[in-house]
Amino acid sequence: MGELKRILISGASIAGPALAYWLQTYGYEVTIVERAPALRRGGYGVDVRGAAISVLQRMGILDQVRAADTGMTGVYFVDSHGRIKGRISEAGMGNRPELDIEVMRDDLTDILYRLTKDTVHYIWNDSITAIQETEEGTEVHFAHGKPQTFDLVVGADGLHSHVRRLTFGDEAQFKRTLGCYISIFTTRNDLHLKHCQQLYTIPGKTVGLYSARDNSEAKGMFIFKSAPLQYDRHDSEAQKQLAADQFSRETGWETQRLLHAMKEAEDFYFDEICQIHMPAWSKGRVALVGDAAYGPSPLSGQGTSLALVGAYVLAGELKRAQGDYTKAFAAYEQEMRQFVEKNQKIGLTAAGGMVASSSFQITLQSWMLRIPFVMNAMFHMISNSIAKAASVIELKRY
């Protein structure tokens, strides 16, 4: 098996640039192809915990990421009139002060892009249409660019990975739905929230508002339970209508104002809340990393940490195997599998707690919020399980 030189990564969000950083550090020639014309804006705060903190440190960007911390102080539950029913601190949500980091998703992608833009070749506004293994390597066809041959291809292209579909088949066989949909968008901080989030829950639905950019703006959020919906993933107007239909009759709290803001939003995000479970993360000369391989769902708070650690381990094992990519991919899976499974369990728990199914569940939640001892005990338990899952892997020095 010859020496590997050229590697193509699909996806310029978090896993892709993180993987590219390590690969170019180890002497590989790396290209990233991204369907979007530039870095994608928008999104919520993402958490970095446990082993992923060590990865940022080894990349030399931990201080930069810490400086971009959202500084959130907690989550407030409100009733239909906006009256506060109770509060959960950031520590109660699993974020340990001085240890864990919460950062806006696009702040982290900016940092990773700046770290790699001079050493990695970025192709914007293009995507892979076919991957064909040859004796020389992997021939890749693009929607716009000329075909090129690479030694390896890595899909870091998210939950609905195109590389995964081309290599492993339809995503339906790997997707485990959690029965909810989520939409997120930027809006004005009309409630003047200061480093906090407010949530309004009704049976089967949650409306949220989250201060961002040092309170200069806010992120609106709608989450709802639903049977599987059929929609075009690239038609944001149709997706806005789907979300609006679910909440159009709800007059409590800020719901109607946020529905109006959602219609105007340019950075609207909508997706099913689901996980990706695969028996193998590689096939031939193609491998997957991050959400494409093992998405734990947006509600888990662990997707970013899995992406950063997965990128570090995959690149490290490729370096260690000295060109034997079959051996490297097997070692990558062996190192990551338990870490992934523990963190995916966190996602399953989070999905169950984020959207109350019934009025009884909401009443129970309200009662618990009034009794700090009960709430603190419950969230201390959740916080401990998140911290354990985030640190269950021991990072090698490659």
Protein backbone atom coordinates (compact mmCIF):
# COMPACT_ATOMS: atom_id res chain seq x y z
CA MET A 1 0.00 0.00 0.00
CA GLY A 2 1.60 3.24 -1.18
CA GLU A 3 2.07 6.48 0.68
CA LEU A 4 -1.04 8.66 0.94
CA LYS A 5 -0.68 12.25 -0.18
CA ARG A 6 -3.95 13.82 -1.34
CA ILE A 7 -7.10 13.78 0.80
CA LEU A 8 -10.47 15.32 -0.05
CA ILE A 9 -12.85 16.34 2.74
CA SER A 10 -16.49 17.16 2.03
CA GLY A 11 -17.87 19.78 4.45
CA ALA A 12 -16.48 23.06 5.87
CA SER A 13 -18.34 23.25 9.18
CA ILE A 14 -16.50 21.88 12.26
CA ALA A 15 -15.38 18.28 11.66
CA GLY A 16 -13.99 19.07 8.18
CA PRO A 17 -11.65 21.97 9.01
CA ALA A 18 -10.60 20.29 12.30
CA LEU A 19 -9.63 17.13 10.39
CA ALA A 20 -7.91 19.22 7.70
CA TYR A 21 -5.81 21.00 10.35
CA TRP A 22 -4.40 17.74 11.70
CA LEU A 23 -3.91 16.14 8.28
CA GLN A 24 -1.95 19.10 6.87
CA THR A 25 0.08 19.18 10.12
CA TYR A 26 1.04 15.57 9.38
CA GLY A 27 2.11 16.45 5.83
CA TYR A 28 -0.96 15.61 3.75
CA GLU A 29 -2.20 17.75 0.88
CA VAL A 30 -5.80 18.55 1.87
CA THR A 31 -8.75 19.90 -0.12
CA ILE A 32 -12.13 20.79 1.40
CA VAL A 33 -15.18 21.01 -0.86
CA GLU A 34 -18.26 22.84 0.47
CA ARG A 35 -21.69 23.06 -1.16
CA ALA A 36 -22.36 26.55 0.30
CA PRO A 37 -20.78 29.63 -1.38
CA ALA A 38 -19.11 30.66 1.92
CA LEU A 39 -19.04 29.70 5.60
CA ARG A 40 -22.60 29.06 6.79
CA ARG A 41 -23.90 31.65 9.24
CA GLY A 42 -26.41 31.20 12.03
CA GLY A 43 -27.03 28.32 14.39
CA TYR A 44 -27.19 28.09 18.16
CA GLY A 45 -24.56 27.87 20.85
CA VAL A 46 -22.52 24.65 20.71
CA ASP A 47 -20.80 23.02 23.67
CA VAL A 48 -17.20 21.84 23.93
CA ARG A 49 -16.43 19.52 26.84
CA GLY A 50 -14.10 16.86 28.18
CA ALA A 51 -11.69 15.37 25.65
CA ALA A 52 -12.63 17.99 23.04
CA ILE A 53 -11.14 20.73 25.28
CA SER A 54 -7.80 18.88 25.07
CA VAL A 55 -8.11 18.75 21.27
CA LEU A 56 -8.58 22.54 21.09
CA GLN A 57 -5.56 22.94 23.37
CA ARG A 58 -3.41 20.74 21.11
CA MET A 59 -4.59 22.78 18.10
CA GLY A 60 -3.45 25.97 19.84
CA ILE A 61 -6.90 27.63 19.68
CA LEU A 62 -8.29 26.96 23.16
CA ASP A 63 -7.77 30.58 24.30
CA GLN A 64 -9.49 31.92 21.16
CA VAL A 65 -12.50 29.64 21.66
CA ARG A 66 -12.69 30.47 25.39
CA ALA A 67 -12.64 34.19 24.52
CA ALA A 68 -15.73 33.62 22.34
CA ASP A 69 -17.65 31.89 25.16
CA THR A 70 -21.30 33.00 25.26
CA GLY A 71 -21.13 33.60 29.02
CA MET A 72 -24.59 32.11 29.51
CA THR A 73 -25.84 32.03 33.09
CA GLY A 74 -28.84 29.73 32.80
CA VAL A 75 -32.24 28.81 31.39
CA TYR A 76 -35.50 30.37 32.62
CA PHE A 77 -38.84 28.61 32.18
CA VAL A 78 -41.73 31.03 31.58
CA ASP A 79 -45.52 30.78 31.45
CA SER A 80 -47.84 32.11 28.73
CA HIS A 81 -47.58 35.64 30.21
CA GLY A 82 -43.79 35.56 30.39
CA ARG A 83 -43.69 35.12 34.16
CA ILE A 84 -40.68 33.11 35.31
CA LYS A 85 -41.59 29.69 36.74
CA GLY A 86 -38.06 28.62 37.57
CA ARG A 87 -34.41 28.62 36.53
CA ILE A 88 -31.74 26.05 35.78
CA SER A 89 -28.12 27.20 35.97
CA GLU A 90 -25.60 26.48 33.22
CA ALA A 91 -23.99 23.92 35.53
CA GLY A 92 -27.39 22.24 35.81
CA MET A 93 -27.48 21.99 32.00
CA GLY A 94 -24.17 20.12 32.03
CA ASN A 95 -21.81 23.07 31.48
CA ARG A 96 -19.22 23.16 34.27
CA PRO A 97 -17.93 26.69 34.98
CA GLU A 98 -14.27 27.29 34.05
CA LEU A 99 -14.08 23.84 32.38
CA ASP A 100 -16.65 23.57 29.58
CA ILE A 101 -17.17 26.11 26.82
CA GLU A 102 -20.32 27.23 25.03
CA VAL A 103 -19.65 29.18 21.85
CA MET A 104 -21.84 30.27 18.94
CA ARG A 105 -21.52 27.75 16.14
CA ASP A 106 -20.40 30.31 13.54
CA ASP A 107 -17.78 31.79 15.90
CA LEU A 108 -16.18 28.33 16.13
CA THR A 109 -16.32 27.78 12.35
CA ASP A 110 -14.67 31.20 11.84
CA ILE A 111 -11.80 30.22 14.18
CA LEU A 112 -11.31 26.86 12.44
CA TYR A 113 -11.39 28.49 9.00
CA ARG A 114 -8.79 31.12 9.95
CA LEU A 115 -6.60 28.31 11.30
CA THR A 116 -6.69 26.37 8.01
CA LYS A 117 -7.34 28.81 5.15
CA ASP A 118 -3.63 29.30 4.30
CA THR A 119 -2.64 25.62 4.35
CA VAL A 120 -5.78 23.88 3.07
CA HIS A 121 -7.34 24.30 -0.39
CA TYR A 122 -11.02 25.28 -0.10
CA ILE A 123 -13.47 24.78 -2.98
CA TRP A 124 -16.73 26.70 -2.38
CA ASN A 125 -20.10 26.35 -4.07
CA ASP A 126 -19.48 22.81 -5.31
CA SER A 127 -20.29 19.26 -4.23
CA ILE A 128 -19.33 15.67 -4.94
CA THR A 129 -21.60 13.84 -7.41
CA ALA A 130 -19.76 10.52 -7.76
CA ILE A 131 -16.94 8.61 -6.05
CA GLN A 132 -15.23 5.82 -8.00
CA GLU A 133 -12.37 3.73 -6.61
CA THR A 134 -9.58 3.02 -9.10
CA GLU A 135 -6.14 1.38 -8.88
CA GLU A 136 -4.59 4.84 -8.44
CA GLY A 137 -6.99 5.97 -5.70
CA THR A 138 -10.43 7.54 -5.75
CA GLU A 139 -11.78 9.39 -8.76
CA VAL A 140 -14.18 12.12 -7.62
CA HIS A 141 -16.68 13.90 -9.85
CA PHE A 142 -18.05 17.32 -8.89
CA ALA A 143 -21.24 19.21 -9.74
CA HIS A 144 -19.19 22.06 -11.27
CA GLY A 145 -15.43 21.36 -11.18
CA LYS A 146 -13.41 18.87 -13.24
CA PRO A 147 -12.97 15.29 -11.93
CA GLN A 148 -9.92 14.76 -9.71
CA THR A 149 -8.19 11.77 -8.16
CA PHE A 150 -7.49 11.65 -4.42
CA ASP A 151 -5.98 8.96 -2.23
CA LEU A 152 -8.84 9.17 0.29
CA VAL A 153 -12.22 10.88 0.63
CA VAL A 154 -13.72 11.85 4.01
CA GLY A 155 -17.35 12.82 4.49
CA ALA A 156 -17.60 15.56 7.14
CA ASP A 157 -20.80 16.83 5.56
CA GLY A 158 -23.24 16.53 8.43
CA LEU A 159 -26.36 14.67 9.37
CA HIS A 160 -27.58 14.37 5.77
CA SER A 161 -24.14 13.47 4.40
CA HIS A 162 -23.95 13.25 0.61
CA VAL A 163 -20.71 11.23 0.82
CA ARG A 164 -22.46 8.72 3.09
CA ARG A 165 -25.35 8.35 0.65
CA LEU A 166 -23.01 7.84 -2.34
CA THR A 167 -20.87 5.28 -0.47
CA PHE A 168 -23.17 3.48 1.96
CA GLY A 169 -26.66 4.07 0.53
CA ASP A 170 -29.84 5.82 1.68
CA GLU A 171 -29.67 7.60 5.06
CA ALA A 172 -32.97 6.01 6.18
CA GLN A 173 -31.10 2.81 7.12
CA PHE A 174 -28.82 4.73 9.53
CA LYS A 175 -31.18 7.42 10.84
CA ARG A 176 -32.84 6.96 14.21
CA THR A 177 -35.55 9.59 14.58
CA LEU A 178 -36.22 11.09 18.00
CA GLY A 179 -39.70 12.23 16.97
CA CYS A 180 -39.05 16.00 17.00
CA TYR A 181 -38.22 18.86 14.63
CA ILE A 182 -36.25 22.00 15.44
CA SER A 183 -35.93 25.42 13.83
CA ILE A 184 -33.48 28.18 14.80
CA PHE A 185 -33.07 31.73 13.46
CA THR A 186 -31.59 35.11 14.41
CA THR A 187 -33.89 37.88 15.63
CA ARG A 188 -33.83 41.07 17.71
CA ASN A 189 -33.28 40.79 21.46
CA ASP A 190 -36.55 42.60 22.21
CA LEU A 191 -36.82 41.04 25.68
CA HIS A 192 -33.34 42.42 26.54
CA LEU A 193 -32.18 39.00 27.72
CA LYS A 194 -28.71 39.09 29.25
CA HIS A 195 -26.65 35.94 28.76
CA CYS A 196 -29.63 33.66 29.30
CA GLN A 197 -32.32 31.62 27.58
CA GLN A 198 -36.08 31.57 28.12
CA LEU A 199 -38.24 28.55 27.30
CA TYR A 200 -42.01 28.35 27.04
CA THR A 201 -43.39 24.80 26.97
CA ILE A 202 -46.82 23.55 25.94
CA PRO A 203 -47.75 19.92 25.26
CA GLY A 204 -45.63 18.63 22.37
CA LYS A 205 -44.02 22.01 21.71
CA THR A 206 -41.31 24.34 23.04
CA VAL A 207 -40.65 27.99 22.09
CA GLY A 208 -37.29 29.46 23.04
CA LEU A 209 -35.34 32.72 22.94
CA TYR A 210 -31.61 32.88 23.60
CA SER A 211 -29.45 36.01 23.88
CA ALA A 212 -26.40 36.08 21.57
CA ARG A 213 -23.49 38.24 20.44
CA ASP A 214 -23.08 39.79 23.89
CA ASN A 215 -26.86 40.38 24.05
CA SER A 216 -26.93 42.48 20.85
CA GLU A 217 -29.17 39.91 19.15
CA ALA A 218 -31.12 36.75 19.97
CA LYS A 219 -31.80 33.30 18.57
CA GLY A 220 -35.40 32.19 18.27
CA MET A 221 -36.24 28.50 18.47
CA PHE A 222 -39.23 26.28 17.81
CA ILE A 223 -39.20 22.58 18.70
CA PHE A 224 -42.18 20.30 18.14
CA LYS A 225 -43.02 16.62 18.25
CA SER A 226 -44.29 15.15 15.02
CA ALA A 227 -44.58 12.00 12.96
CA PRO A 228 -42.08 12.04 10.03
CA LEU A 229 -42.68 15.00 7.69
CA GLN A 230 -42.01 15.06 3.95
CA TYR A 231 -40.26 18.24 2.81
CA ASP A 232 -37.52 19.56 0.52
CA ARG A 233 -34.40 20.09 2.63
CA HIS A 234 -33.24 22.89 0.32
CA ASP A 235 -36.52 24.86 0.33
CA SER A 236 -36.34 27.09 3.42
CA GLU A 237 -39.65 28.84 2.65
CA ALA A 238 -41.51 25.51 2.72
CA GLN A 239 -39.74 24.62 5.98
CA LYS A 240 -40.73 27.97 7.53
CA GLN A 241 -44.33 27.18 6.60
CA LEU A 242 -44.09 23.75 8.25
CA ALA A 243 -42.89 25.31 11.50
CA ALA A 244 -45.47 28.12 11.30
CA ASP A 245 -48.31 25.63 10.80
CA GLN A 246 -47.38 23.91 14.04
CA PHE A 247 -47.47 27.11 16.14
CA SER A 248 -49.95 29.36 14.29
CA ARG A 249 -52.74 28.94 16.89
CA GLU A 250 -50.48 29.39 19.91
CA THR A 251 -50.85 32.87 21.40
CA GLY A 252 -48.86 32.42 24.62
CA TRP A 253 -45.67 34.33 25.45
CA GLU A 254 -43.62 35.55 22.42
CA THR A 255 -44.84 32.87 20.02
CA GLN A 256 -46.55 35.08 17.43
CA ARG A 257 -43.76 37.67 17.38
CA LEU A 258 -41.19 34.92 16.87
CA LEU A 259 -43.24 33.36 14.06
CA HIS A 260 -43.16 36.74 12.31
CA ALA A 261 -39.40 37.08 12.93
CA MET A 262 -38.85 33.56 11.57
CA LYS A 263 -40.50 34.49 8.25
CA GLU A 264 -38.04 37.39 7.83
CA ALA A 265 -34.95 35.45 8.99
CA GLU A 266 -32.15 34.92 6.46
CA ASP A 267 -30.22 32.36 8.52
CA PHE A 268 -33.15 30.01 9.17
CA TYR A 269 -32.27 26.41 10.10
CA PHE A 270 -34.78 23.56 10.19
CA ASP A 271 -34.21 19.84 10.65
CA GLU A 272 -35.47 16.65 12.12
CA ILE A 273 -33.95 15.76 15.49
CA CYS A 274 -32.36 12.40 14.87
CA GLN A 275 -29.23 10.35 15.42
CA ILE A 276 -26.99 8.46 13.00
CA HIS A 277 -26.10 4.88 13.92
CA MET A 278 -23.79 2.98 11.54
CA PRO A 279 -22.18 -0.46 11.85
CA ALA A 280 -19.03 0.89 10.13
CA TRP A 281 -17.74 4.40 9.42
CA SER A 282 -15.56 3.51 6.44
CA LYS A 283 -15.71 1.58 3.19
CA GLY A 284 -12.68 1.19 0.95
CA ARG A 285 -10.97 4.56 0.61
CA VAL A 286 -13.92 6.54 2.02
CA ALA A 287 -14.46 7.38 5.71
CA LEU A 288 -16.95 9.48 7.66
CA VAL A 289 -16.40 11.78 10.64
CA GLY A 290 -18.64 13.88 12.89
CA ASP A 291 -22.42 14.01 12.38
CA ALA A 292 -22.09 12.18 9.05
CA ALA A 293 -20.92 9.07 10.92
CA TYR A 294 -22.40 9.36 14.42
CA GLY A 295 -24.58 12.45 14.85
CA PRO A 296 -25.88 12.40 18.45
CA SER A 297 -28.63 15.02 17.64
CA PRO A 298 -28.56 18.80 18.23
CA LEU A 299 -30.23 18.41 21.65
CA SER A 300 -27.38 16.25 22.99
CA GLY A 301 -24.96 19.19 23.17
CA GLN A 302 -22.26 16.65 22.25
CA GLY A 303 -22.11 16.85 18.44
CA THR A 304 -19.28 19.41 18.37
CA SER A 305 -17.18 17.50 20.90
CA LEU A 306 -17.62 14.26 18.93
CA ALA A 307 -16.64 16.06 15.71
CA LEU A 308 -13.46 17.59 17.21
CA VAL A 309 -12.34 14.37 18.90
CA GLY A 310 -13.24 12.23 15.86
CA ALA A 311 -11.20 14.49 13.57
CA TYR A 312 -8.19 14.28 15.92
CA VAL A 313 -8.35 10.48 16.19
CA LEU A 314 -8.93 9.84 12.47
CA ALA A 315 -6.00 12.05 11.41
CA GLY A 316 -3.78 10.58 14.14
CA GLU A 317 -4.51 6.99 13.15
CA LEU A 318 -3.81 7.80 9.47
CA LYS A 319 -0.43 9.22 10.50
CA ARG A 320 0.31 6.22 12.71
CA ALA A 321 -0.63 3.65 10.01
CA GLN A 322 1.82 5.23 7.48
CA GLY A 323 -0.35 4.78 4.40
CA ASP A 324 -2.29 1.68 5.44
CA TYR A 325 -5.70 3.36 5.41
CA THR A 326 -7.58 0.09 6.11
CA LYS A 327 -5.63 -0.31 9.35
CA ALA A 328 -6.09 3.40 10.18
CA PHE A 329 -9.88 3.35 9.66
CA ALA A 330 -10.23 0.22 11.83
CA ALA A 331 -8.17 1.82 14.62
CA TYR A 332 -10.22 5.04 14.37
CA GLU A 333 -13.44 3.08 14.90
CA GLN A 334 -11.97 1.06 17.74
CA GLU A 335 -10.84 4.24 19.55
CA MET A 336 -14.09 6.13 19.01
CA ARG A 337 -16.92 3.58 19.23
CA GLN A 338 -17.47 3.52 23.01
CA PHE A 339 -17.07 7.32 23.24
CA VAL A 340 -19.71 7.78 20.54
CA GLU A 341 -22.19 5.35 22.09
CA LYS A 342 -22.00 6.97 25.54
CA ASN A 343 -22.60 10.42 24.05
CA GLN A 344 -25.46 9.27 21.85
CA LYS A 345 -27.22 8.03 25.01
CA ILE A 346 -27.05 11.62 26.32
CA GLY A 347 -28.86 12.75 23.14
CA LEU A 348 -31.69 10.27 23.72
CA THR A 349 -32.17 11.54 27.30
CA ALA A 350 -32.07 15.21 26.21
CA ALA A 351 -34.71 14.72 23.52
CA GLY A 352 -37.08 13.22 26.08
CA GLY A 353 -36.66 16.20 28.42
CA MET A 354 -36.77 19.07 25.92
CA VAL A 355 -40.35 18.69 24.70
CA ALA A 356 -43.04 17.76 27.23
CA SER A 357 -45.60 15.35 25.78
CA SER A 358 -48.49 16.23 28.07
CA SER A 359 -49.98 18.86 30.38
CA PHE A 360 -49.16 16.53 33.27
CA GLN A 361 -45.46 16.56 32.35
CA ILE A 362 -45.48 20.39 32.22
CA THR A 363 -47.27 20.57 35.61
CA LEU A 364 -44.68 18.17 37.05
CA GLN A 365 -41.86 20.28 35.60
CA SER A 366 -43.41 23.47 37.10
CA TRP A 367 -43.71 21.78 40.50
CA MET A 368 -40.09 20.64 40.39
CA LEU A 369 -38.91 24.11 39.38
CA ARG A 370 -40.43 25.46 42.59
CA ILE A 371 -38.39 23.03 44.70
CA PRO A 372 -34.70 23.86 44.17
CA PHE A 373 -33.54 20.81 46.12
CA VAL A 374 -35.31 18.41 43.72
CA MET A 375 -34.20 20.31 40.60
CA ASN A 376 -30.59 20.59 41.76
CA ALA A 377 -30.39 16.88 42.58
CA MET A 378 -31.81 15.89 39.19
CA PHE A 379 -29.61 18.24 37.18
CA HIS A 380 -26.52 17.38 39.21
CA MET A 381 -27.09 13.78 38.13
CA ILE A 382 -27.51 14.82 34.46
CA SER A 383 -24.43 17.06 34.64
CA ASN A 384 -22.31 14.21 36.02
CA SER A 385 -23.43 11.79 33.31
CA ILE A 386 -22.63 14.37 30.58
CA ALA A 387 -19.18 15.05 32.08
CA LYS A 388 -18.43 11.30 32.24
CA ALA A 389 -19.55 10.70 28.66
CA ALA A 390 -17.50 13.67 27.41
CA SER A 391 -14.30 12.29 28.97
CA VAL A 392 -14.70 8.53 28.44
CA ILE A 393 -12.00 8.49 25.75
CA GLU A 394 -8.28 8.73 26.50
CA LEU A 395 -6.59 10.72 23.76
CA LYS A 396 -3.36 9.29 22.36
CA ARG A 397 -0.41 11.47 21.46
CA TYR A 398 0.07 10.99 17.76
